[in-house]
Amino acid sequence: MKFNRGKKAVTTAGTRVALGTDQLVSALVIKAEEGNTGKVFPGASDVDNSDSEQGLNPGESLSLDWPPSEMGNLADIYIDAATNGDGVVFWYLGRS
């Protein structure tokens, strides 16, 4: 396993983007950037920014872990944002 870091922004609010391409991961931490002006919404391919009760405020984070027999994939994890240009930084354990 290799420790990696990434960054992703939503250019147009309401248009979800994948965190990455085909990259298997065993653990992932997603943190809303401190400079965001609105919430970011991590989720699956159907995530959207319409539920104001959900999402991460600037500086908040979400941790995900998969069982040893399974792996997550950055291509299957998306973010949306309430504000154009807001984004996340993320850290993950993945295969090299």
PDB file of N, CA and C in Angstrom:
ATOM      1  N   MET A   1       0.834  -1.182   0.000  1.00  0.00           N
ATOM      2  CA  MET A   1       0.000   0.000   0.000  1.00  0.00           C
ATOM      3  C   MET A   1       0.876   1.242   0.000  1.00  0.00           C
ATOM      4  N   LYS A   2       0.356   2.272  -0.593  1.00  0.00           N
ATOM      5  CA  LYS A   2       1.072   3.531  -0.669  1.00  0.00           C
ATOM      6  C   LYS A   2       0.148   4.659  -0.186  1.00  0.00           C
ATOM      7  N   PHE A   3       0.695   5.578   0.600  1.00  0.00           N
ATOM      8  CA  PHE A   3      -0.047   6.734   1.092  1.00  0.00           C
ATOM      9  C   PHE A   3       0.000   7.814   0.019  1.00  0.00           C
ATOM     10  N   ASN A   4      -1.174   8.325  -0.366  1.00  0.00           N
ATOM     11  CA  ASN A   4      -1.274   9.321  -1.432  1.00  0.00           C
ATOM     12  C   ASN A   4      -2.151  10.478  -0.996  1.00  0.00           C
ATOM     13  N   ARG A   5      -2.042  11.578  -1.722  1.00  0.00           N
ATOM     14  CA  ARG A   5      -2.836  12.787  -1.468  1.00  0.00           C
ATOM     15  C   ARG A   5      -3.383  13.284  -2.788  1.00  0.00           C
ATOM     16  N   GLY A   6      -4.569  13.885  -2.738  1.00  0.00           N
ATOM     17  CA  GLY A   6      -5.147  14.469  -3.936  1.00  0.00           C
ATOM     18  C   GLY A   6      -5.959  15.712  -3.594  1.00  0.00           C
ATOM     19  N   LYS A   7      -6.394  16.379  -4.630  1.00  0.00           N
ATOM     20  CA  LYS A   7      -7.190  17.597  -4.481  1.00  0.00           C
ATOM     21  C   LYS A   7      -8.166  17.625  -5.646  1.00  0.00           C
ATOM     22  N   LYS A   8      -9.411  18.023  -5.367  1.00  0.00           N
ATOM     23  CA  LYS A   8     -10.419  18.076  -6.431  1.00  0.00           C
ATOM     24  C   LYS A   8     -11.351  19.237  -6.151  1.00  0.00           C
ATOM     25  N   ALA A   9     -11.685  19.988  -7.191  1.00  0.00           N
ATOM     26  CA  ALA A   9     -12.630  21.104  -7.078  1.00  0.00           C
ATOM     27  C   ALA A   9     -13.792  20.872  -8.022  1.00  0.00           C
ATOM     28  N   VAL A  10     -14.928  21.436  -7.668  1.00  0.00           N
ATOM     29  CA  VAL A  10     -16.126  21.403  -8.512  1.00  0.00           C
ATOM     30  C   VAL A  10     -16.181  22.729  -9.250  1.00  0.00           C
ATOM     31  N   THR A  11     -15.921  22.701 -10.535  1.00  0.00           N
ATOM     32  CA  THR A  11     -15.898  23.929 -11.325  1.00  0.00           C
ATOM     33  C   THR A  11     -17.266  24.609 -11.328  1.00  0.00           C
ATOM     34  N   THR A  12     -18.321  23.821 -11.573  1.00  0.00           N
ATOM     35  CA  THR A  12     -19.679  24.357 -11.641  1.00  0.00           C
ATOM     36  C   THR A  12     -20.539  23.675 -10.587  1.00  0.00           C
ATOM     37  N   ALA A  13     -21.006  24.428  -9.605  1.00  0.00           N
ATOM     38  CA  ALA A  13     -21.864  23.868  -8.560  1.00  0.00           C
ATOM     39  C   ALA A  13     -23.039  23.140  -9.198  1.00  0.00           C
ATOM     40  N   GLY A  14     -23.357  21.965  -8.650  1.00  0.00           N
ATOM     41  CA  GLY A  14     -24.441  21.154  -9.201  1.00  0.00           C
ATOM     42  C   GLY A  14     -23.964  20.146 -10.216  1.00  0.00           C
ATOM     43  N   THR A  15     -22.683  20.161 -10.543  1.00  0.00           N
ATOM     44  CA  THR A  15     -22.114  19.206 -11.496  1.00  0.00           C
ATOM     45  C   THR A  15     -21.091  18.348 -10.758  1.00  0.00           C
ATOM     46  N   ARG A  16     -21.474  17.125 -10.415  1.00  0.00           N
ATOM     47  CA  ARG A  16     -20.601  16.242  -9.634  1.00  0.00           C
ATOM     48  C   ARG A  16     -19.372  15.837 -10.428  1.00  0.00           C
ATOM     49  N   VAL A  17     -18.270  15.611  -9.702  1.00  0.00           N
ATOM     50  CA  VAL A  17     -17.022  15.155 -10.314  1.00  0.00           C
ATOM     51  C   VAL A  17     -16.453  14.007  -9.483  1.00  0.00           C
ATOM     52  N   ALA A  18     -15.835  13.041 -10.165  1.00  0.00           N
ATOM     53  CA  ALA A  18     -15.195  11.916  -9.477  1.00  0.00           C
ATOM     54  C   ALA A  18     -13.904  12.393  -8.818  1.00  0.00           C
ATOM     55  N   LEU A  19     -13.576  11.790  -7.678  1.00  0.00           N
ATOM     56  CA  LEU A  19     -12.326  12.147  -7.003  1.00  0.00           C
ATOM     57  C   LEU A  19     -11.120  11.760  -7.843  1.00  0.00           C
ATOM     58  N   GLY A  20     -11.223  10.705  -8.603  1.00  0.00           N
ATOM     59  CA  GLY A  20     -10.076  10.269  -9.395  1.00  0.00           C
ATOM     60  C   GLY A  20     -10.461   9.254 -10.442  1.00  0.00           C
ATOM     61  N   THR A  21      -9.431   8.685 -11.037  1.00  0.00           N
ATOM     62  CA  THR A  21      -9.638   7.629 -12.013  1.00  0.00           C
ATOM     63  C   THR A  21      -9.562   6.283 -11.296  1.00  0.00           C
ATOM     64  N   ASP A  22      -9.467   5.225 -12.028  1.00  0.00           N
ATOM     65  CA  ASP A  22      -9.482   3.875 -11.483  1.00  0.00           C
ATOM     66  C   ASP A  22      -8.309   3.661 -10.526  1.00  0.00           C
ATOM     67  N   GLN A  23      -8.546   3.894  -9.234  1.00  0.00           N
ATOM     68  CA  GLN A  23      -7.520   3.738  -8.193  1.00  0.00           C
ATOM     69  C   GLN A  23      -8.146   3.029  -6.999  1.00  0.00           C
ATOM     70  N   LEU A  24      -7.708   1.805  -6.720  1.00  0.00           N
ATOM     71  CA  LEU A  24      -8.222   1.061  -5.580  1.00  0.00           C
ATOM     72  C   LEU A  24      -7.633   1.603  -4.290  1.00  0.00           C
ATOM     73  N   VAL A  25      -8.507   1.751  -3.276  1.00  0.00           N
ATOM     74  CA  VAL A  25      -8.096   2.310  -1.994  1.00  0.00           C
ATOM     75  C   VAL A  25      -8.655   1.463  -0.852  1.00  0.00           C
ATOM     76  N   SER A  26      -7.915   1.434   0.265  1.00  0.00           N
ATOM     77  CA  SER A  26      -8.408   0.717   1.440  1.00  0.00           C
ATOM     78  C   SER A  26      -8.900   1.681   2.520  1.00  0.00           C
ATOM     79  N   ALA A  27      -8.445   2.922   2.477  1.00  0.00           N
ATOM     80  CA  ALA A  27      -8.879   3.950   3.428  1.00  0.00           C
ATOM     81  C   ALA A  27      -8.822   5.311   2.734  1.00  0.00           C
ATOM     82  N   LEU A  28      -9.742   6.185   3.116  1.00  0.00           N
ATOM     83  CA  LEU A  28      -9.852   7.488   2.468  1.00  0.00           C
ATOM     84  C   LEU A  28     -10.332   8.516   3.475  1.00  0.00           C
ATOM     85  N   VAL A  29      -9.714   9.688   3.474  1.00  0.00           N
ATOM     86  CA  VAL A  29     -10.182  10.833   4.264  1.00  0.00           C
ATOM     87  C   VAL A  29     -10.417  11.976   3.284  1.00  0.00           C
ATOM     88  N   ILE A  30     -11.617  12.539   3.322  1.00  0.00           N
ATOM     89  CA  ILE A  30     -11.988  13.672   2.473  1.00  0.00           C
ATOM     90  C   ILE A  30     -12.197  14.873   3.377  1.00  0.00           C
ATOM     91  N   LYS A  31     -11.497  15.973   3.101  1.00  0.00           N
ATOM     92  CA  LYS A  31     -11.643  17.188   3.909  1.00  0.00           C
ATOM     93  C   LYS A  31     -12.053  18.347   3.007  1.00  0.00           C
ATOM     94  N   ALA A  32     -13.139  19.027   3.399  1.00  0.00           N
ATOM     95  CA  ALA A  32     -13.561  20.226   2.681  1.00  0.00           C
ATOM     96  C   ALA A  32     -12.503  21.305   2.888  1.00  0.00           C
ATOM     97  N   GLU A  33     -12.096  21.951   1.823  1.00  0.00           N
ATOM     98  CA  GLU A  33     -11.048  22.963   1.936  1.00  0.00           C
ATOM     99  C   GLU A  33     -11.497  24.100   2.858  1.00  0.00           C
ATOM    100  N   GLU A  34     -10.535  24.585   3.633  1.00  0.00           N
ATOM    101  CA  GLU A  34     -10.802  25.666   4.592  1.00  0.00           C
ATOM    102  C   GLU A  34     -11.332  26.925   3.910  1.00  0.00           C
ATOM    103  N   GLY A  35     -10.892  27.188   2.684  1.00  0.00           N
ATOM    104  CA  GLY A  35     -11.286  28.398   1.977  1.00  0.00           C
ATOM    105  C   GLY A  35     -12.613  28.317   1.240  1.00  0.00           C
ATOM    106  N   ASN A  36     -13.300  27.177   1.324  1.00  0.00           N
ATOM    107  CA  ASN A  36     -14.609  27.055   0.677  1.00  0.00           C
ATOM    108  C   ASN A  36     -15.585  28.081   1.246  1.00  0.00           C
ATOM    109  N   THR A  37     -16.532  28.490   0.421  1.00  0.00           N
ATOM    110  CA  THR A  37     -17.560  29.410   0.904  1.00  0.00           C
ATOM    111  C   THR A  37     -18.898  28.727   1.122  1.00  0.00           C
ATOM    112  N   GLY A  38     -19.003  27.464   0.737  1.00  0.00           N
ATOM    113  CA  GLY A  38     -20.220  26.687   0.940  1.00  0.00           C
ATOM    114  C   GLY A  38     -19.861  25.250   1.268  1.00  0.00           C
ATOM    115  N   LYS A  39     -20.876  24.407   1.319  1.00  0.00           N
ATOM    116  CA  LYS A  39     -20.669  22.995   1.615  1.00  0.00           C
ATOM    117  C   LYS A  39     -20.224  22.226   0.378  1.00  0.00           C
ATOM    118  N   VAL A  40     -19.503  21.122   0.616  1.00  0.00           N
ATOM    119  CA  VAL A  40     -19.223  20.141  -0.432  1.00  0.00           C
ATOM    120  C   VAL A  40     -19.908  18.845  -0.024  1.00  0.00           C
ATOM    121  N   PHE A  41     -20.289  18.058  -1.031  1.00  0.00           N
ATOM    122  CA  PHE A  41     -21.119  16.887  -0.815  1.00  0.00           C
ATOM    123  C   PHE A  41     -20.456  15.645  -1.397  1.00  0.00           C
ATOM    124  N   PRO A  42     -19.781  14.835  -0.573  1.00  0.00           N
ATOM    125  CA  PRO A  42     -19.215  13.594  -1.072  1.00  0.00           C
ATOM    126  C   PRO A  42     -20.296  12.515  -1.162  1.00  0.00           C
ATOM    127  N   GLY A  43     -20.133  11.603  -2.125  1.00  0.00           N
ATOM    128  CA  GLY A  43     -21.099  10.517  -2.255  1.00  0.00           C
ATOM    129  C   GLY A  43     -20.843   9.675  -3.487  1.00  0.00           C
ATOM    130  N   ALA A  44     -21.869   8.957  -3.883  1.00  0.00           N
ATOM    131  CA  ALA A  44     -21.807   8.089  -5.060  1.00  0.00           C
ATOM    132  C   ALA A  44     -22.094   8.902  -6.323  1.00  0.00           C
ATOM    133  N   SER A  45     -22.253   8.225  -7.431  1.00  0.00           N
ATOM    134  CA  SER A  45     -22.434   8.906  -8.724  1.00  0.00           C
ATOM    135  C   SER A  45     -23.724   9.726  -8.811  1.00  0.00           C
ATOM    136  N   ASP A  46     -24.626   9.547  -7.851  1.00  0.00           N
ATOM    137  CA  ASP A  46     -25.877  10.314  -7.872  1.00  0.00           C
ATOM    138  C   ASP A  46     -25.892  11.445  -6.839  1.00  0.00           C
ATOM    139  N   VAL A  47     -24.743  11.759  -6.220  1.00  0.00           N
ATOM    140  CA  VAL A  47     -24.696  12.822  -5.220  1.00  0.00           C
ATOM    141  C   VAL A  47     -25.052  14.160  -5.855  1.00  0.00           C
ATOM    142  N   ASP A  48     -25.719  14.997  -5.081  1.00  0.00           N
ATOM    143  CA  ASP A  48     -25.995  16.360  -5.559  1.00  0.00           C
ATOM    144  C   ASP A  48     -25.981  17.318  -4.383  1.00  0.00           C
ATOM    145  N   ASN A  49     -26.055  18.579  -4.680  1.00  0.00           N
ATOM    146  CA  ASN A  49     -25.933  19.618  -3.657  1.00  0.00           C
ATOM    147  C   ASN A  49     -27.278  20.149  -3.170  1.00  0.00           C
ATOM    148  N   SER A  50     -28.355  19.404  -3.370  1.00  0.00           N
ATOM    149  CA  SER A  50     -29.687  19.932  -3.055  1.00  0.00           C
ATOM    150  C   SER A  50     -30.109  19.726  -1.602  1.00  0.00           C
ATOM    151  N   ASP A  51     -29.430  18.891  -0.833  1.00  0.00           N
ATOM    152  CA  ASP A  51     -29.819  18.626   0.549  1.00  0.00           C
ATOM    153  C   ASP A  51     -28.938  19.426   1.502  1.00  0.00           C
ATOM    154  N   SER A  52     -29.436  20.553   1.950  1.00  0.00           N
ATOM    155  CA  SER A  52     -28.634  21.446   2.789  1.00  0.00           C
ATOM    156  C   SER A  52     -28.307  20.840   4.153  1.00  0.00           C
ATOM    157  N   GLU A  53     -28.995  19.775   4.565  1.00  0.00           N
ATOM    158  CA  GLU A  53     -28.714  19.111   5.835  1.00  0.00           C
ATOM    159  C   GLU A  53     -27.493  18.199   5.734  1.00  0.00           C
ATOM    160  N   GLN A  54     -27.072  17.872   4.531  1.00  0.00           N
ATOM    161  CA  GLN A  54     -25.931  16.989   4.307  1.00  0.00           C
ATOM    162  C   GLN A  54     -24.728  17.820   3.904  1.00  0.00           C
ATOM    163  N   GLY A  55     -23.618  17.166   3.681  1.00  0.00           N
ATOM    164  CA  GLY A  55     -22.441  17.854   3.179  1.00  0.00           C
ATOM    165  C   GLY A  55     -21.469  18.242   4.271  1.00  0.00           C
ATOM    166  N   LEU A  56     -20.297  18.667   3.821  1.00  0.00           N
ATOM    167  CA  LEU A  56     -19.220  19.062   4.720  1.00  0.00           C
ATOM    168  C   LEU A  56     -19.025  20.571   4.659  1.00  0.00           C
ATOM    169  N   ASN A  57     -19.049  21.212   5.809  1.00  0.00           N
ATOM    170  CA  ASN A  57     -18.732  22.631   5.893  1.00  0.00           C
ATOM    171  C   ASN A  57     -17.227  22.803   5.714  1.00  0.00           C
ATOM    172  N   PRO A  58     -16.756  24.001   5.390  1.00  0.00           N
ATOM    173  CA  PRO A  58     -15.316  24.223   5.262  1.00  0.00           C
ATOM    174  C   PRO A  58     -14.553  23.691   6.480  1.00  0.00           C
ATOM    175  N   GLY A  59     -13.516  22.899   6.218  1.00  0.00           N
ATOM    176  CA  GLY A  59     -12.684  22.336   7.272  1.00  0.00           C
ATOM    177  C   GLY A  59     -13.151  21.017   7.843  1.00  0.00           C
ATOM    178  N   GLU A  60     -14.388  20.607   7.579  1.00  0.00           N
ATOM    179  CA  GLU A  60     -14.888  19.324   8.085  1.00  0.00           C
ATOM    180  C   GLU A  60     -14.364  18.178   7.231  1.00  0.00           C
ATOM    181  N   SER A  61     -14.330  16.979   7.828  1.00  0.00           N
ATOM    182  CA  SER A  61     -13.811  15.831   7.093  1.00  0.00           C
ATOM    183  C   SER A  61     -14.683  14.597   7.291  1.00  0.00           C
ATOM    184  N   LEU A  62     -14.460  13.627   6.426  1.00  0.00           N
ATOM    185  CA  LEU A  62     -15.165  12.354   6.422  1.00  0.00           C
ATOM    186  C   LEU A  62     -14.129  11.270   6.198  1.00  0.00           C
ATOM    187  N   SER A  63     -14.172  10.211   7.021  1.00  0.00           N
ATOM    188  CA  SER A  63     -13.238   9.093   6.878  1.00  0.00           C
ATOM    189  C   SER A  63     -13.984   7.847   6.437  1.00  0.00           C
ATOM    190  N   LEU A  64     -13.402   7.122   5.499  1.00  0.00           N
ATOM    191  CA  LEU A  64     -13.970   5.875   4.993  1.00  0.00           C
ATOM    192  C   LEU A  64     -12.917   4.786   5.051  1.00  0.00           C
ATOM    193  N   ASP A  65     -13.318   3.595   5.503  1.00  0.00           N
ATOM    194  CA  ASP A  65     -12.447   2.429   5.526  1.00  0.00           C
ATOM    195  C   ASP A  65     -13.196   1.256   4.919  1.00  0.00           C
ATOM    196  N   TRP A  66     -12.490   0.440   4.174  1.00  0.00           N
ATOM    197  CA  TRP A  66     -13.074  -0.751   3.579  1.00  0.00           C
ATOM    198  C   TRP A  66     -12.513  -1.979   4.278  1.00  0.00           C
ATOM    199  N   PRO A  67     -13.287  -3.066   4.361  1.00  0.00           N
ATOM    200  CA  PRO A  67     -12.765  -4.296   4.956  1.00  0.00           C
ATOM    201  C   PRO A  67     -11.581  -4.829   4.143  1.00  0.00           C
ATOM    202  N   PRO A  68     -10.698  -5.594   4.777  1.00  0.00           N
ATOM    203  CA  PRO A  68      -9.511  -6.095   4.075  1.00  0.00           C
ATOM    204  C   PRO A  68      -9.822  -6.865   2.782  1.00  0.00           C
ATOM    205  N   SER A  69     -10.966  -7.516   2.732  1.00  0.00           N
ATOM    206  CA  SER A  69     -11.300  -8.303   1.535  1.00  0.00           C
ATOM    207  C   SER A  69     -11.882  -7.462   0.400  1.00  0.00           C
ATOM    208  N   GLU A  70     -12.133  -6.191   0.655  1.00  0.00           N
ATOM    209  CA  GLU A  70     -12.709  -5.300  -0.353  1.00  0.00           C
ATOM    210  C   GLU A  70     -11.843  -4.056  -0.500  1.00  0.00           C
ATOM    211  N   MET A  71     -12.036  -3.344  -1.574  1.00  0.00           N
ATOM    212  CA  MET A  71     -11.339  -2.075  -1.795  1.00  0.00           C
ATOM    213  C   MET A  71     -12.350  -1.088  -2.372  1.00  0.00           C
ATOM    214  N   GLY A  72     -12.198   0.171  -2.046  1.00  0.00           N
ATOM    215  CA  GLY A  72     -12.978   1.213  -2.689  1.00  0.00           C
ATOM    216  C   GLY A  72     -12.251   1.659  -3.947  1.00  0.00           C
ATOM    217  N   ASN A  73     -12.891   2.490  -4.730  1.00  0.00           N
ATOM    218  CA  ASN A  73     -12.285   2.985  -5.962  1.00  0.00           C
ATOM    219  C   ASN A  73     -12.558   4.484  -6.068  1.00  0.00           C
ATOM    220  N   LEU A  74     -11.508   5.273  -6.252  1.00  0.00           N
ATOM    221  CA  LEU A  74     -11.687   6.729  -6.361  1.00  0.00           C
ATOM    222  C   LEU A  74     -12.612   7.111  -7.510  1.00  0.00           C
ATOM    223  N   ALA A  75     -12.695   6.281  -8.530  1.00  0.00           N
ATOM    224  CA  ALA A  75     -13.570   6.565  -9.670  1.00  0.00           C
ATOM    225  C   ALA A  75     -15.049   6.450  -9.300  1.00  0.00           C
ATOM    226  N   ASP A  76     -15.348   5.799  -8.162  1.00  0.00           N
ATOM    227  CA  ASP A  76     -16.734   5.607  -7.725  1.00  0.00           C
ATOM    228  C   ASP A  76     -17.159   6.593  -6.639  1.00  0.00           C
ATOM    229  N   ILE A  77     -16.272   7.492  -6.256  1.00  0.00           N
ATOM    230  CA  ILE A  77     -16.562   8.465  -5.197  1.00  0.00           C
ATOM    231  C   ILE A  77     -16.567   9.856  -5.823  1.00  0.00           C
ATOM    232  N   TYR A  78     -17.666  10.556  -5.641  1.00  0.00           N
ATOM    233  CA  TYR A  78     -17.879  11.849  -6.280  1.00  0.00           C
ATOM    234  C   TYR A  78     -18.041  12.948  -5.242  1.00  0.00           C
ATOM    235  N   ILE A  79     -17.856  14.181  -5.689  1.00  0.00           N
ATOM    236  CA  ILE A  79     -18.218  15.340  -4.874  1.00  0.00           C
ATOM    237  C   ILE A  79     -19.037  16.300  -5.723  1.00  0.00           C
ATOM    238  N   ASP A  80     -19.899  17.019  -5.052  1.00  0.00           N
ATOM    239  CA  ASP A  80     -20.611  18.148  -5.642  1.00  0.00           C
ATOM    240  C   ASP A  80     -20.395  19.296  -4.666  1.00  0.00           C
ATOM    241  N   ALA A  81     -20.748  20.490  -5.061  1.00  0.00           N
ATOM    242  CA  ALA A  81     -20.550  21.648  -4.201  1.00  0.00           C
ATOM    243  C   ALA A  81     -21.717  22.610  -4.332  1.00  0.00           C
ATOM    244  N   ALA A  82     -21.905  23.393  -3.290  1.00  0.00           N
ATOM    245  CA  ALA A  82     -22.943  24.419  -3.306  1.00  0.00           C
ATOM    246  C   ALA A  82     -22.464  25.681  -4.010  1.00  0.00           C
ATOM    247  N   THR A  83     -21.143  25.848  -4.116  1.00  0.00           N
ATOM    248  CA  THR A  83     -20.558  27.068  -4.674  1.00  0.00           C
ATOM    249  C   THR A  83     -19.517  26.707  -5.723  1.00  0.00           C
ATOM    250  N   ASN A  84     -19.547  27.392  -6.855  1.00  0.00           N
ATOM    251  CA  ASN A  84     -18.553  27.170  -7.907  1.00  0.00           C
ATOM    252  C   ASN A  84     -17.134  27.255  -7.337  1.00  0.00           C
ATOM    253  N   GLY A  85     -16.293  26.324  -7.715  1.00  0.00           N
ATOM    254  CA  GLY A  85     -14.887  26.356  -7.341  1.00  0.00           C
ATOM    255  C   GLY A  85     -14.537  25.766  -5.990  1.00  0.00           C
ATOM    256  N   ASP A  86     -15.525  25.462  -5.156  1.00  0.00           N
ATOM    257  CA  ASP A  86     -15.227  24.834  -3.864  1.00  0.00           C
ATOM    258  C   ASP A  86     -14.754  23.403  -4.088  1.00  0.00           C
ATOM    259  N   GLY A  87     -13.977  22.887  -3.142  1.00  0.00           N
ATOM    260  CA  GLY A  87     -13.452  21.549  -3.341  1.00  0.00           C
ATOM    261  C   GLY A  87     -12.976  20.895  -2.065  1.00  0.00           C
ATOM    262  N   VAL A  88     -12.224  19.822  -2.272  1.00  0.00           N
ATOM    263  CA  VAL A  88     -11.725  19.004  -1.166  1.00  0.00           C
ATOM    264  C   VAL A  88     -10.258  18.662  -1.386  1.00  0.00           C
ATOM    265  N   VAL A  89      -9.611  18.316  -0.293  1.00  0.00           N
ATOM    266  CA  VAL A  89      -8.334  17.619  -0.334  1.00  0.00           C
ATOM    267  C   VAL A  89      -8.623  16.236   0.220  1.00  0.00           C
ATOM    268  N   PHE A  90      -7.868  15.237  -0.213  1.00  0.00           N
ATOM    269  CA  PHE A  90      -8.104  13.892   0.281  1.00  0.00           C
ATOM    270  C   PHE A  90      -6.810  13.116   0.374  1.00  0.00           C
ATOM    271  N   TRP A  91      -6.808  12.166   1.297  1.00  0.00           N
ATOM    272  CA  TRP A  91      -5.669  11.293   1.540  1.00  0.00           C
ATOM    273  C   TRP A  91      -6.179   9.867   1.462  1.00  0.00           C
ATOM    274  N   TYR A  92      -5.376   8.973   0.913  1.00  0.00           N
ATOM    275  CA  TYR A  92      -5.824   7.588   0.809  1.00  0.00           C
ATOM    276  C   TYR A  92      -4.645   6.612   0.817  1.00  0.00           C
ATOM    277  N   LEU A  93      -4.969   5.396   1.242  1.00  0.00           N
ATOM    278  CA  LEU A  93      -4.048   4.281   1.122  1.00  0.00           C
ATOM    279  C   LEU A  93      -4.466   3.503  -0.119  1.00  0.00           C
ATOM    280  N   GLY A  94      -3.560   3.398  -1.065  1.00  0.00           N
ATOM    281  CA  GLY A  94      -3.903   2.727  -2.307  1.00  0.00           C
ATOM    282  C   GLY A  94      -2.753   1.914  -2.835  1.00  0.00           C
ATOM    283  N   ARG A  95      -3.074   1.163  -3.848  1.00  0.00           N
ATOM    284  CA  ARG A  95      -2.020   0.406  -4.516  1.00  0.00           C
ATOM    285  C   ARG A  95      -1.176   1.356  -5.336  1.00  0.00           C
ATOM    286  N   SER A  96       0.095   1.103  -5.399  1.00  0.00           N
ATOM    287  CA  SER A  96       1.027   1.992  -6.100  1.00  0.00           C
ATOM    288  C   SER A  96       0.648   2.177  -7.554  1.00  0.00           C
TER     289      SER A  96
END
